[in-house]
Amino acid sequence: MNRCGFHIVEFYHAHHRDPHDEDGEISEMFRFEKILPVTPESIKEQVKRITYYEGILQKAENGSPEILGRLSDYYGSPEWKRNYAADEAGLLPSDFKRGVLSEDGIYNLLEK
């Protein structure tokens, strides 16, 4: 659990109920949060990877099967998910292109 970056942040029980529990059943449950590693090196590597795939995205407009394959592999990878999560958390610099992190953009391009 902690190896994947998840940490227990709350334990719900009879004396501390889950505020989202609508049916009123008392159950013991943990609430987890994913903690992303934030080091200058990890951010630098993510920026480098996003920039690389952003270039591929720009080249993919012509529909080269090899380039589309690399883009498709990245889109389904754990790296893409980590980059997307880091961007959503505001951990990445705001001054570079990140179109490759757009779910709809890549999906639509691959569908063409």
PDB file of N, CA and C in Angstrom:
ATOM      1  N   MET A   1       0.834  -1.185   0.000  1.00  0.00           N
ATOM      2  CA  MET A   1       0.000   0.000   0.000  1.00  0.00           C
ATOM      3  C   MET A   1       0.879   1.248   0.000  1.00  0.00           C
ATOM      4  N   ASN A   2       1.763   1.376   0.968  1.00  0.00           N
ATOM      5  CA  ASN A   2       2.625   2.554   1.003  1.00  0.00           C
ATOM      6  C   ASN A   2       3.633   2.539  -0.138  1.00  0.00           C
ATOM      7  N   ARG A   3       3.999   1.363  -0.630  1.00  0.00           N
ATOM      8  CA  ARG A   3       4.937   1.256  -1.740  1.00  0.00           C
ATOM      9  C   ARG A   3       4.364   1.919  -2.994  1.00  0.00           C
ATOM     10  N   CYS A   4       3.047   1.853  -3.165  1.00  0.00           N
ATOM     11  CA  CYS A   4       2.383   2.452  -4.325  1.00  0.00           C
ATOM     12  C   CYS A   4       2.076   3.930  -4.110  1.00  0.00           C
ATOM     13  N   GLY A   5       2.409   4.445  -2.926  1.00  0.00           N
ATOM     14  CA  GLY A   5       2.187   5.858  -2.672  1.00  0.00           C
ATOM     15  C   GLY A   5       0.897   6.178  -1.947  1.00  0.00           C
ATOM     16  N   PHE A   6       0.126   5.147  -1.556  1.00  0.00           N
ATOM     17  CA  PHE A   6      -1.114   5.384  -0.831  1.00  0.00           C
ATOM     18  C   PHE A   6      -0.844   5.374   0.669  1.00  0.00           C
ATOM     19  N   HIS A   7      -1.514   6.258   1.379  1.00  0.00           N
ATOM     20  CA  HIS A   7      -1.365   6.354   2.821  1.00  0.00           C
ATOM     21  C   HIS A   7      -2.739   6.446   3.461  1.00  0.00           C
ATOM     22  N   ILE A   8      -2.893   5.780   4.602  1.00  0.00           N
ATOM     23  CA  ILE A   8      -4.144   5.868   5.343  1.00  0.00           C
ATOM     24  C   ILE A   8      -4.202   7.241   5.997  1.00  0.00           C
ATOM     25  N   VAL A   9      -5.284   7.957   5.733  1.00  0.00           N
ATOM     26  CA  VAL A   9      -5.424   9.290   6.306  1.00  0.00           C
ATOM     27  C   VAL A   9      -6.616   9.396   7.252  1.00  0.00           C
ATOM     28  N   GLU A  10      -7.480   8.357   7.241  1.00  0.00           N
ATOM     29  CA  GLU A  10      -8.635   8.402   8.120  1.00  0.00           C
ATOM     30  C   GLU A  10      -9.191   6.991   8.289  1.00  0.00           C
ATOM     31  N   PHE A  11      -9.765   6.729   9.458  1.00  0.00           N
ATOM     32  CA  PHE A  11     -10.412   5.445   9.725  1.00  0.00           C
ATOM     33  C   PHE A  11     -11.833   5.726  10.188  1.00  0.00           C
ATOM     34  N   TYR A  12     -12.807   5.224   9.417  1.00  0.00           N
ATOM     35  CA  TYR A  12     -14.212   5.426   9.749  1.00  0.00           C
ATOM     36  C   TYR A  12     -14.711   4.235  10.572  1.00  0.00           C
ATOM     37  N   HIS A  13     -15.495   4.542  11.620  1.00  0.00           N
ATOM     38  CA  HIS A  13     -16.053   3.515  12.503  1.00  0.00           C
ATOM     39  C   HIS A  13     -17.284   4.094  13.185  1.00  0.00           C
ATOM     40  N   ALA A  14     -17.816   3.387  14.175  1.00  0.00           N
ATOM     41  CA  ALA A  14     -19.072   3.804  14.822  1.00  0.00           C
ATOM     42  C   ALA A  14     -18.998   5.198  15.439  1.00  0.00           C
ATOM     43  N   HIS A  15     -17.838   5.599  15.923  1.00  0.00           N
ATOM     44  CA  HIS A  15     -17.703   6.904  16.582  1.00  0.00           C
ATOM     45  C   HIS A  15     -17.113   7.983  15.667  1.00  0.00           C
ATOM     46  N   HIS A  16     -16.754   7.590  14.476  1.00  0.00           N
ATOM     47  CA  HIS A  16     -16.233   8.541  13.478  1.00  0.00           C
ATOM     48  C   HIS A  16     -16.757   8.075  12.124  1.00  0.00           C
ATOM     49  N   ARG A  17     -17.933   8.557  11.772  1.00  0.00           N
ATOM     50  CA  ARG A  17     -18.624   8.085  10.570  1.00  0.00           C
ATOM     51  C   ARG A  17     -18.131   8.792   9.312  1.00  0.00           C
ATOM     52  N   ASP A  18     -18.219   8.062   8.222  1.00  0.00           N
ATOM     53  CA  ASP A  18     -17.898   8.598   6.904  1.00  0.00           C
ATOM     54  C   ASP A  18     -18.959   9.637   6.538  1.00  0.00           C
ATOM     55  N   PRO A  19     -18.568  10.889   6.267  1.00  0.00           N
ATOM     56  CA  PRO A  19     -19.563  11.921   5.936  1.00  0.00           C
ATOM     57  C   PRO A  19     -20.296  11.648   4.621  1.00  0.00           C
ATOM     58  N   HIS A  20     -19.765  10.766   3.796  1.00  0.00           N
ATOM     59  CA  HIS A  20     -20.410  10.443   2.518  1.00  0.00           C
ATOM     60  C   HIS A  20     -21.274   9.184   2.602  1.00  0.00           C
ATOM     61  N   ASP A  21     -21.377   8.590   3.790  1.00  0.00           N
ATOM     62  CA  ASP A  21     -22.165   7.377   3.980  1.00  0.00           C
ATOM     63  C   ASP A  21     -23.638   7.753   4.025  1.00  0.00           C
ATOM     64  N   GLU A  22     -24.355   7.467   2.951  1.00  0.00           N
ATOM     65  CA  GLU A  22     -25.754   7.876   2.842  1.00  0.00           C
ATOM     66  C   GLU A  22     -26.736   6.860   3.403  1.00  0.00           C
ATOM     67  N   ASP A  23     -26.357   5.585   3.459  1.00  0.00           N
ATOM     68  CA  ASP A  23     -27.314   4.578   3.917  1.00  0.00           C
ATOM     69  C   ASP A  23     -27.307   4.395   5.431  1.00  0.00           C
ATOM     70  N   GLY A  24     -26.371   5.008   6.135  1.00  0.00           N
ATOM     71  CA  GLY A  24     -26.346   4.976   7.590  1.00  0.00           C
ATOM     72  C   GLY A  24     -25.790   3.703   8.190  1.00  0.00           C
ATOM     73  N   GLU A  25     -25.350   2.789   7.356  1.00  0.00           N
ATOM     74  CA  GLU A  25     -24.761   1.560   7.884  1.00  0.00           C
ATOM     75  C   GLU A  25     -23.412   1.873   8.499  1.00  0.00           C
ATOM     76  N   ILE A  26     -23.175   1.305   9.653  1.00  0.00           N
ATOM     77  CA  ILE A  26     -21.896   1.509  10.311  1.00  0.00           C
ATOM     78  C   ILE A  26     -20.927   0.465   9.781  1.00  0.00           C
ATOM     79  N   SER A  27     -19.865   0.934   9.194  1.00  0.00           N
ATOM     80  CA  SER A  27     -18.848   0.012   8.695  1.00  0.00           C
ATOM     81  C   SER A  27     -17.474   0.586   9.003  1.00  0.00           C
ATOM     82  N   GLU A  28     -16.566  -0.309   9.221  1.00  0.00           N
ATOM     83  CA  GLU A  28     -15.189   0.116   9.460  1.00  0.00           C
ATOM     84  C   GLU A  28     -14.479   0.177   8.117  1.00  0.00           C
ATOM     85  N   MET A  29     -13.910   1.334   7.837  1.00  0.00           N
ATOM     86  CA  MET A  29     -13.287   1.530   6.529  1.00  0.00           C
ATOM     87  C   MET A  29     -12.171   2.558   6.650  1.00  0.00           C
ATOM     88  N   PHE A  30     -11.139   2.375   5.838  1.00  0.00           N
ATOM     89  CA  PHE A  30     -10.046   3.332   5.765  1.00  0.00           C
ATOM     90  C   PHE A  30     -10.272   4.273   4.598  1.00  0.00           C
ATOM     91  N   ARG A  31      -9.773   5.476   4.717  1.00  0.00           N
ATOM     92  CA  ARG A  31      -9.726   6.407   3.584  1.00  0.00           C
ATOM     93  C   ARG A  31      -8.256   6.584   3.256  1.00  0.00           C
ATOM     94  N   PHE A  32      -7.930   6.416   1.978  1.00  0.00           N
ATOM     95  CA  PHE A  32      -6.554   6.507   1.504  1.00  0.00           C
ATOM     96  C   PHE A  32      -6.371   7.752   0.650  1.00  0.00           C
ATOM     97  N   GLU A  33      -5.174   8.259   0.626  1.00  0.00           N
ATOM     98  CA  GLU A  33      -4.782   9.306  -0.312  1.00  0.00           C
ATOM     99  C   GLU A  33      -3.472   8.893  -0.941  1.00  0.00           C
ATOM    100  N   LYS A  34      -3.339   9.208  -2.212  1.00  0.00           N
ATOM    101  CA  LYS A  34      -2.086   8.922  -2.911  1.00  0.00           C
ATOM    102  C   LYS A  34      -1.182  10.133  -2.760  1.00  0.00           C
ATOM    103  N   ILE A  35       0.012   9.884  -2.286  1.00  0.00           N
ATOM    104  CA  ILE A  35       1.002  10.933  -2.112  1.00  0.00           C
ATOM    105  C   ILE A  35       2.027  10.791  -3.237  1.00  0.00           C
ATOM    106  N   LEU A  36       2.096  11.793  -4.084  1.00  0.00           N
ATOM    107  CA  LEU A  36       3.040  11.760  -5.194  1.00  0.00           C
ATOM    108  C   LEU A  36       4.414  12.222  -4.721  1.00  0.00           C
ATOM    109  N   PRO A  37       5.456  11.524  -5.167  1.00  0.00           N
ATOM    110  CA  PRO A  37       6.795  11.980  -4.781  1.00  0.00           C
ATOM    111  C   PRO A  37       7.116  13.295  -5.474  1.00  0.00           C
ATOM    112  N   VAL A  38       7.517  14.260  -4.699  1.00  0.00           N
ATOM    113  CA  VAL A  38       7.815  15.568  -5.258  1.00  0.00           C
ATOM    114  C   VAL A  38       9.259  15.906  -4.921  1.00  0.00           C
ATOM    115  N   THR A  39      10.106  15.655  -5.883  1.00  0.00           N
ATOM    116  CA  THR A  39      11.500  16.049  -5.763  1.00  0.00           C
ATOM    117  C   THR A  39      11.834  16.810  -7.032  1.00  0.00           C
ATOM    118  N   PRO A  40      12.810  17.681  -6.984  1.00  0.00           N
ATOM    119  CA  PRO A  40      13.191  18.382  -8.214  1.00  0.00           C
ATOM    120  C   PRO A  40      13.559  17.409  -9.341  1.00  0.00           C
ATOM    121  N   GLU A  41      14.174  16.277  -8.981  1.00  0.00           N
ATOM    122  CA  GLU A  41      14.560  15.295 -10.000  1.00  0.00           C
ATOM    123  C   GLU A  41      13.342  14.641 -10.631  1.00  0.00           C
ATOM    124  N   SER A  42      12.343  14.280  -9.809  1.00  0.00           N
ATOM    125  CA  SER A  42      11.160  13.622 -10.364  1.00  0.00           C
ATOM    126  C   SER A  42      10.362  14.576 -11.247  1.00  0.00           C
ATOM    127  N   ILE A  43      10.246  15.818 -10.841  1.00  0.00           N
ATOM    128  CA  ILE A  43       9.542  16.811 -11.656  1.00  0.00           C
ATOM    129  C   ILE A  43      10.296  17.046 -12.956  1.00  0.00           C
ATOM    130  N   LYS A  44      11.622  17.124 -12.875  1.00  0.00           N
ATOM    131  CA  LYS A  44      12.445  17.337 -14.070  1.00  0.00           C
ATOM    132  C   LYS A  44      12.266  16.184 -15.054  1.00  0.00           C
ATOM    133  N   GLU A  45      12.231  14.952 -14.549  1.00  0.00           N
ATOM    134  CA  GLU A  45      12.034  13.785 -15.419  1.00  0.00           C
ATOM    135  C   GLU A  45      10.646  13.796 -16.048  1.00  0.00           C
ATOM    136  N   GLN A  46       9.639  14.187 -15.285  1.00  0.00           N
ATOM    137  CA  GLN A  46       8.287  14.253 -15.835  1.00  0.00           C
ATOM    138  C   GLN A  46       8.199  15.318 -16.919  1.00  0.00           C
ATOM    139  N   VAL A  47       8.793  16.464 -16.689  1.00  0.00           N
ATOM    140  CA  VAL A  47       8.779  17.533 -17.696  1.00  0.00           C
ATOM    141  C   VAL A  47       9.486  17.058 -18.964  1.00  0.00           C
ATOM    142  N   LYS A  48      10.605  16.366 -18.791  1.00  0.00           N
ATOM    143  CA  LYS A  48      11.358  15.849 -19.945  1.00  0.00           C
ATOM    144  C   LYS A  48      10.501  14.845 -20.734  1.00  0.00           C
ATOM    145  N   ARG A  49       9.830  13.933 -20.022  1.00  0.00           N
ATOM    146  CA  ARG A  49       9.005  12.922 -20.678  1.00  0.00           C
ATOM    147  C   ARG A  49       7.815  13.574 -21.382  1.00  0.00           C
ATOM    148  N   ILE A  50       7.151  14.508 -20.721  1.00  0.00           N
ATOM    149  CA  ILE A  50       5.992  15.178 -21.322  1.00  0.00           C
ATOM    150  C   ILE A  50       6.412  15.956 -22.562  1.00  0.00           C
ATOM    151  N   THR A  51       7.535  16.631 -22.486  1.00  0.00           N
ATOM    152  CA  THR A  51       8.035  17.392 -23.634  1.00  0.00           C
ATOM    153  C   THR A  51       8.327  16.461 -24.806  1.00  0.00           C
ATOM    154  N   TYR A  52       8.932  15.308 -24.523  1.00  0.00           N
ATOM    155  CA  TYR A  52       9.227  14.313 -25.568  1.00  0.00           C
ATOM    156  C   TYR A  52       7.932  13.858 -26.250  1.00  0.00           C
ATOM    157  N   TYR A  53       6.939  13.473 -25.455  1.00  0.00           N
ATOM    158  CA  TYR A  53       5.692  12.987 -26.036  1.00  0.00           C
ATOM    159  C   TYR A  53       4.854  14.104 -26.642  1.00  0.00           C
ATOM    160  N   GLU A  54       5.047  15.308 -26.179  1.00  0.00           N
ATOM    161  CA  GLU A  54       4.387  16.453 -26.808  1.00  0.00           C
ATOM    162  C   GLU A  54       4.897  16.596 -28.246  1.00  0.00           C
ATOM    163  N   GLY A  55       6.210  16.396 -28.445  1.00  0.00           N
ATOM    164  CA  GLY A  55       6.786  16.420 -29.789  1.00  0.00           C
ATOM    165  C   GLY A  55       6.213  15.320 -30.665  1.00  0.00           C
ATOM    166  N   ILE A  56       6.043  14.144 -30.080  1.00  0.00           N
ATOM    167  CA  ILE A  56       5.449  13.032 -30.826  1.00  0.00           C
ATOM    168  C   ILE A  56       4.003  13.355 -31.196  1.00  0.00           C
ATOM    169  N   LEU A  57       3.295  13.972 -30.275  1.00  0.00           N
ATOM    170  CA  LEU A  57       1.911  14.356 -30.558  1.00  0.00           C
ATOM    171  C   LEU A  57       1.846  15.297 -31.751  1.00  0.00           C
ATOM    172  N   GLN A  58       2.758  16.245 -31.807  1.00  0.00           N
ATOM    173  CA  GLN A  58       2.779  17.185 -32.931  1.00  0.00           C
ATOM    174  C   GLN A  58       3.081  16.453 -34.244  1.00  0.00           C
ATOM    175  N   LYS A  59       3.997  15.478 -34.213  1.00  0.00           N
ATOM    176  CA  LYS A  59       4.327  14.712 -35.423  1.00  0.00           C
ATOM    177  C   LYS A  59       3.212  13.748 -35.811  1.00  0.00           C
ATOM    178  N   ALA A  60       2.418  13.322 -34.845  1.00  0.00           N
ATOM    179  CA  ALA A  60       1.382  12.320 -35.095  1.00  0.00           C
ATOM    180  C   ALA A  60       0.232  12.855 -35.936  1.00  0.00           C
ATOM    181  N   GLU A  61       0.172  14.147 -36.100  1.00  0.00           N
ATOM    182  CA  GLU A  61      -0.905  14.732 -36.903  1.00  0.00           C
ATOM    183  C   GLU A  61      -0.912  14.168 -38.321  1.00  0.00           C
ATOM    184  N   ASN A  62       0.267  13.740 -38.830  1.00  0.00           N
ATOM    185  CA  ASN A  62       0.311  13.191 -40.191  1.00  0.00           C
ATOM    186  C   ASN A  62      -0.079  11.716 -40.239  1.00  0.00           C
ATOM    187  N   GLY A  63      -0.282  11.093 -39.068  1.00  0.00           N
ATOM    188  CA  GLY A  63      -0.813   9.735 -39.026  1.00  0.00           C
ATOM    189  C   GLY A  63       0.182   8.626 -39.224  1.00  0.00           C
ATOM    190  N   SER A  64       1.466   8.854 -39.037  1.00  0.00           N
ATOM    191  CA  SER A  64       2.461   7.800 -39.161  1.00  0.00           C
ATOM    192  C   SER A  64       2.148   6.677 -38.167  1.00  0.00           C
ATOM    193  N   PRO A  65       1.986   5.431 -38.634  1.00  0.00           N
ATOM    194  CA  PRO A  65       1.637   4.325 -37.739  1.00  0.00           C
ATOM    195  C   PRO A  65       2.650   4.115 -36.605  1.00  0.00           C
ATOM    196  N   GLU A  66       3.932   4.289 -36.902  1.00  0.00           N
ATOM    197  CA  GLU A  66       4.956   4.103 -35.870  1.00  0.00           C
ATOM    198  C   GLU A  66       4.808   5.144 -34.762  1.00  0.00           C
ATOM    199  N   ILE A  67       4.626   6.380 -35.157  1.00  0.00           N
ATOM    200  CA  ILE A  67       4.488   7.456 -34.177  1.00  0.00           C
ATOM    201  C   ILE A  67       3.184   7.301 -33.397  1.00  0.00           C
ATOM    202  N   LEU A  68       2.105   6.950 -34.075  1.00  0.00           N
ATOM    203  CA  LEU A  68       0.838   6.743 -33.389  1.00  0.00           C
ATOM    204  C   LEU A  68       0.935   5.583 -32.395  1.00  0.00           C
ATOM    205  N   GLY A  69       1.710   4.558 -32.741  1.00  0.00           N
ATOM    206  CA  GLY A  69       1.913   3.424 -31.834  1.00  0.00           C
ATOM    207  C   GLY A  69       2.632   3.837 -30.566  1.00  0.00           C
ATOM    208  N   ARG A  70       3.672   4.659 -30.700  1.00  0.00           N
ATOM    209  CA  ARG A  70       4.400   5.141 -29.519  1.00  0.00           C
ATOM    210  C   ARG A  70       3.494   5.996 -28.645  1.00  0.00           C
ATOM    211  N   LEU A  71       2.693   6.830 -29.285  1.00  0.00           N
ATOM    212  CA  LEU A  71       1.769   7.693 -28.551  1.00  0.00           C
ATOM    213  C   LEU A  71       0.704   6.858 -27.831  1.00  0.00           C
ATOM    214  N   SER A  72       0.200   5.839 -28.504  1.00  0.00           N
ATOM    215  CA  SER A  72      -0.795   4.953 -27.907  1.00  0.00           C
ATOM    216  C   SER A  72      -0.216   4.204 -26.706  1.00  0.00           C
ATOM    217  N   ASP A  73       1.016   3.724 -26.841  1.00  0.00           N
ATOM    218  CA  ASP A  73       1.677   3.022 -25.731  1.00  0.00           C
ATOM    219  C   ASP A  73       1.836   3.943 -24.524  1.00  0.00           C
ATOM    220  N   TYR A  74       2.243   5.172 -24.772  1.00  0.00           N
ATOM    221  CA  TYR A  74       2.411   6.134 -23.680  1.00  0.00           C
ATOM    222  C   TYR A  74       1.069   6.423 -23.013  1.00  0.00           C
ATOM    223  N   TYR A  75       0.024   6.606 -23.820  1.00  0.00           N
ATOM    224  CA  TYR A  75      -1.304   6.958 -23.304  1.00  0.00           C
ATOM    225  C   TYR A  75      -1.835   5.890 -22.345  1.00  0.00           C
ATOM    226  N   GLY A  76      -1.488   4.631 -22.594  1.00  0.00           N
ATOM    227  CA  GLY A  76      -1.953   3.551 -21.729  1.00  0.00           C
ATOM    228  C   GLY A  76      -0.980   3.170 -20.638  1.00  0.00           C
ATOM    229  N   SER A  77       0.068   3.940 -20.468  1.00  0.00           N
ATOM    230  CA  SER A  77       1.142   3.555 -19.537  1.00  0.00           C
ATOM    231  C   SER A  77       0.969   4.161 -18.145  1.00  0.00           C
ATOM    232  N   PRO A  78       1.621   3.548 -17.159  1.00  0.00           N
ATOM    233  CA  PRO A  78       1.640   4.138 -15.809  1.00  0.00           C
ATOM    234  C   PRO A  78       2.320   5.511 -15.791  1.00  0.00           C
ATOM    235  N   GLU A  79       3.284   5.731 -16.685  1.00  0.00           N
ATOM    236  CA  GLU A  79       3.962   7.028 -16.745  1.00  0.00           C
ATOM    237  C   GLU A  79       2.980   8.133 -17.104  1.00  0.00           C
ATOM    238  N   TRP A  80       2.099   7.856 -18.083  1.00  0.00           N
ATOM    239  CA  TRP A  80       1.110   8.863 -18.464  1.00  0.00           C
ATOM    240  C   TRP A  80       0.211   9.174 -17.276  1.00  0.00           C
ATOM    241  N   LYS A  81      -0.210   8.131 -16.570  1.00  0.00           N
ATOM    242  CA  LYS A  81      -1.097   8.336 -15.418  1.00  0.00           C
ATOM    243  C   LYS A  81      -0.408   9.151 -14.337  1.00  0.00           C
ATOM    244  N   ARG A  82       0.885   8.883 -14.090  1.00  0.00           N
ATOM    245  CA  ARG A  82       1.628   9.664 -13.091  1.00  0.00           C
ATOM    246  C   ARG A  82       1.782  11.113 -13.540  1.00  0.00           C
ATOM    247  N   ASN A  83       2.091  11.300 -14.819  1.00  0.00           N
ATOM    248  CA  ASN A  83       2.234  12.663 -15.339  1.00  0.00           C
ATOM    249  C   ASN A  83       0.906  13.415 -15.262  1.00  0.00           C
ATOM    250  N   TYR A  84      -0.165  12.742 -15.614  1.00  0.00           N
ATOM    251  CA  TYR A  84      -1.493  13.351 -15.561  1.00  0.00           C
ATOM    252  C   TYR A  84      -1.840  13.737 -14.121  1.00  0.00           C
ATOM    253  N   ALA A  85      -1.603  12.832 -13.176  1.00  0.00           N
ATOM    254  CA  ALA A  85      -1.904  13.098 -11.765  1.00  0.00           C
ATOM    255  C   ALA A  85      -1.060  14.259 -11.237  1.00  0.00           C
ATOM    256  N   ALA A  86       0.209  14.298 -11.624  1.00  0.00           N
ATOM    257  CA  ALA A  86       1.081  15.396 -11.177  1.00  0.00           C
ATOM    258  C   ALA A  86       0.590  16.725 -11.742  1.00  0.00           C
ATOM    259  N   ASP A  87       0.147  16.713 -12.983  1.00  0.00           N
ATOM    260  CA  ASP A  87      -0.369  17.937 -13.586  1.00  0.00           C
ATOM    261  C   ASP A  87      -1.652  18.379 -12.893  1.00  0.00           C
ATOM    262  N   GLU A  88      -2.543  17.437 -12.620  1.00  0.00           N
ATOM    263  CA  GLU A  88      -3.793  17.758 -11.927  1.00  0.00           C
ATOM    264  C   GLU A  88      -3.536  18.305 -10.521  1.00  0.00           C
ATOM    265  N   ALA A  89      -2.463  17.826  -9.895  1.00  0.00           N
ATOM    266  CA  ALA A  89      -2.127  18.282  -8.544  1.00  0.00           C
ATOM    267  C   ALA A  89      -1.380  19.610  -8.553  1.00  0.00           C
ATOM    268  N   GLY A  90      -1.078  20.136  -9.753  1.00  0.00           N
ATOM    269  CA  GLY A  90      -0.382  21.415  -9.858  1.00  0.00           C
ATOM    270  C   GLY A  90       1.103  21.328  -9.557  1.00  0.00           C
ATOM    271  N   LEU A  91       1.683  20.142  -9.723  1.00  0.00           N
ATOM    272  CA  LEU A  91       3.094  19.944  -9.402  1.00  0.00           C
ATOM    273  C   LEU A  91       4.034  20.275 -10.559  1.00  0.00           C
ATOM    274  N   LEU A  92       3.491  20.373 -11.755  1.00  0.00           N
ATOM    275  CA  LEU A  92       4.322  20.632 -12.931  1.00  0.00           C
ATOM    276  C   LEU A  92       4.319  22.111 -13.269  1.00  0.00           C
ATOM    277  N   PRO A  93       5.400  22.583 -13.875  1.00  0.00           N
ATOM    278  CA  PRO A  93       5.447  23.996 -14.266  1.00  0.00           C
ATOM    279  C   PRO A  93       4.310  24.323 -15.237  1.00  0.00           C
ATOM    280  N   SER A  94       3.822  25.524 -15.160  1.00  0.00           N
ATOM    281  CA  SER A  94       2.687  25.908 -16.008  1.00  0.00           C
ATOM    282  C   SER A  94       3.114  26.505 -17.338  1.00  0.00           C
ATOM    283  N   ASP A  95       4.412  26.641 -17.571  1.00  0.00           N
ATOM    284  CA  ASP A  95       4.882  27.365 -18.753  1.00  0.00           C
ATOM    285  C   ASP A  95       5.335  26.471 -19.909  1.00  0.00           C
ATOM    286  N   PHE A  96       4.864  25.229 -19.975  1.00  0.00           N
ATOM    287  CA  PHE A  96       5.217  24.402 -21.120  1.00  0.00           C
ATOM    288  C   PHE A  96       3.968  23.701 -21.653  1.00  0.00           C
ATOM    289  N   LYS A  97       4.038  23.245 -22.907  1.00  0.00           N
ATOM    290  CA  LYS A  97       2.883  22.609 -23.538  1.00  0.00           C
ATOM    291  C   LYS A  97       2.618  21.262 -22.880  1.00  0.00           C
ATOM    292  N   ARG A  98       1.337  20.970 -22.682  1.00  0.00           N
ATOM    293  CA  ARG A  98       0.957  19.713 -22.055  1.00  0.00           C
ATOM    294  C   ARG A  98      -0.252  19.082 -22.745  1.00  0.00           C
ATOM    295  N   GLY A  99      -0.381  19.328 -24.029  1.00  0.00           N
ATOM    296  CA  GLY A  99      -1.499  18.766 -24.777  1.00  0.00           C
ATOM    297  C   GLY A  99      -1.538  17.252 -24.753  1.00  0.00           C
ATOM    298  N   VAL A 100      -0.382  16.642 -24.595  1.00  0.00           N
ATOM    299  CA  VAL A 100      -0.299  15.183 -24.553  1.00  0.00           C
ATOM    300  C   VAL A 100      -0.966  14.622 -23.288  1.00  0.00           C
ATOM    301  N   LEU A 101      -1.228  15.462 -22.308  1.00  0.00           N
ATOM    302  CA  LEU A 101      -1.910  15.019 -21.095  1.00  0.00           C
ATOM    303  C   LEU A 101      -3.422  15.180 -21.188  1.00  0.00           C
ATOM    304  N   SER A 102      -3.895  15.673 -22.330  1.00  0.00           N
ATOM    305  CA  SER A 102      -5.335  15.812 -22.551  1.00  0.00           C
ATOM    306  C   SER A 102      -5.888  14.445 -22.950  1.00  0.00           C
ATOM    307  N   GLU A 103      -6.779  13.908 -22.146  1.00  0.00           N
ATOM    308  CA  GLU A 103      -7.358  12.601 -22.459  1.00  0.00           C
ATOM    309  C   GLU A 103      -8.086  12.615 -23.798  1.00  0.00           C
ATOM    310  N   ASP A 104      -8.899  13.622 -24.015  1.00  0.00           N
ATOM    311  CA  ASP A 104      -9.681  13.687 -25.250  1.00  0.00           C
ATOM    312  C   ASP A 104      -8.809  13.915 -26.474  1.00  0.00           C
ATOM    313  N   GLY A 105      -7.784  14.729 -26.344  1.00  0.00           N
ATOM    314  CA  GLY A 105      -6.918  15.040 -27.482  1.00  0.00           C
ATOM    315  C   GLY A 105      -6.240  13.803 -28.042  1.00  0.00           C
ATOM    316  N   ILE A 106      -5.630  13.016 -27.187  1.00  0.00           N
ATOM    317  CA  ILE A 106      -4.941  11.800 -27.641  1.00  0.00           C
ATOM    318  C   ILE A 106      -5.953  10.780 -28.149  1.00  0.00           C
ATOM    319  N   TYR A 107      -7.024  10.588 -27.419  1.00  0.00           N
ATOM    320  CA  TYR A 107      -8.045   9.610 -27.811  1.00  0.00           C
ATOM    321  C   TYR A 107      -8.590   9.955 -29.197  1.00  0.00           C
ATOM    322  N   ASN A 108      -8.941  11.221 -29.401  1.00  0.00           N
ATOM    323  CA  ASN A 108      -9.486  11.630 -30.697  1.00  0.00           C
ATOM    324  C   ASN A 108      -8.488  11.439 -31.824  1.00  0.00           C
ATOM    325  N   LEU A 109      -7.225  11.757 -31.558  1.00  0.00           N
ATOM    326  CA  LEU A 109      -6.193  11.573 -32.572  1.00  0.00           C
ATOM    327  C   LEU A 109      -6.025  10.094 -32.928  1.00  0.00           C
ATOM    328  N   LEU A 110      -6.025   9.230 -31.930  1.00  0.00           N
ATOM    329  CA  LEU A 110      -5.867   7.803 -32.178  1.00  0.00           C
ATOM    330  C   LEU A 110      -7.091   7.227 -32.906  1.00  0.00           C
ATOM    331  N   GLU A 111      -8.247   7.795 -32.671  1.00  0.00           N
ATOM    332  CA  GLU A 111      -9.444   7.332 -33.354  1.00  0.00           C
ATOM    333  C   GLU A 111      -9.461   7.712 -34.831  1.00  0.00           C
ATOM    334  N   LYS A 112      -8.796   8.825 -35.185  1.00  0.00           N
ATOM    335  CA  LYS A 112      -8.729   9.246 -36.599  1.00  0.00           C
ATOM    336  C   LYS A 112      -7.999   8.191 -37.373  1.00  0.00           C
TER     337      LYS A 112
END
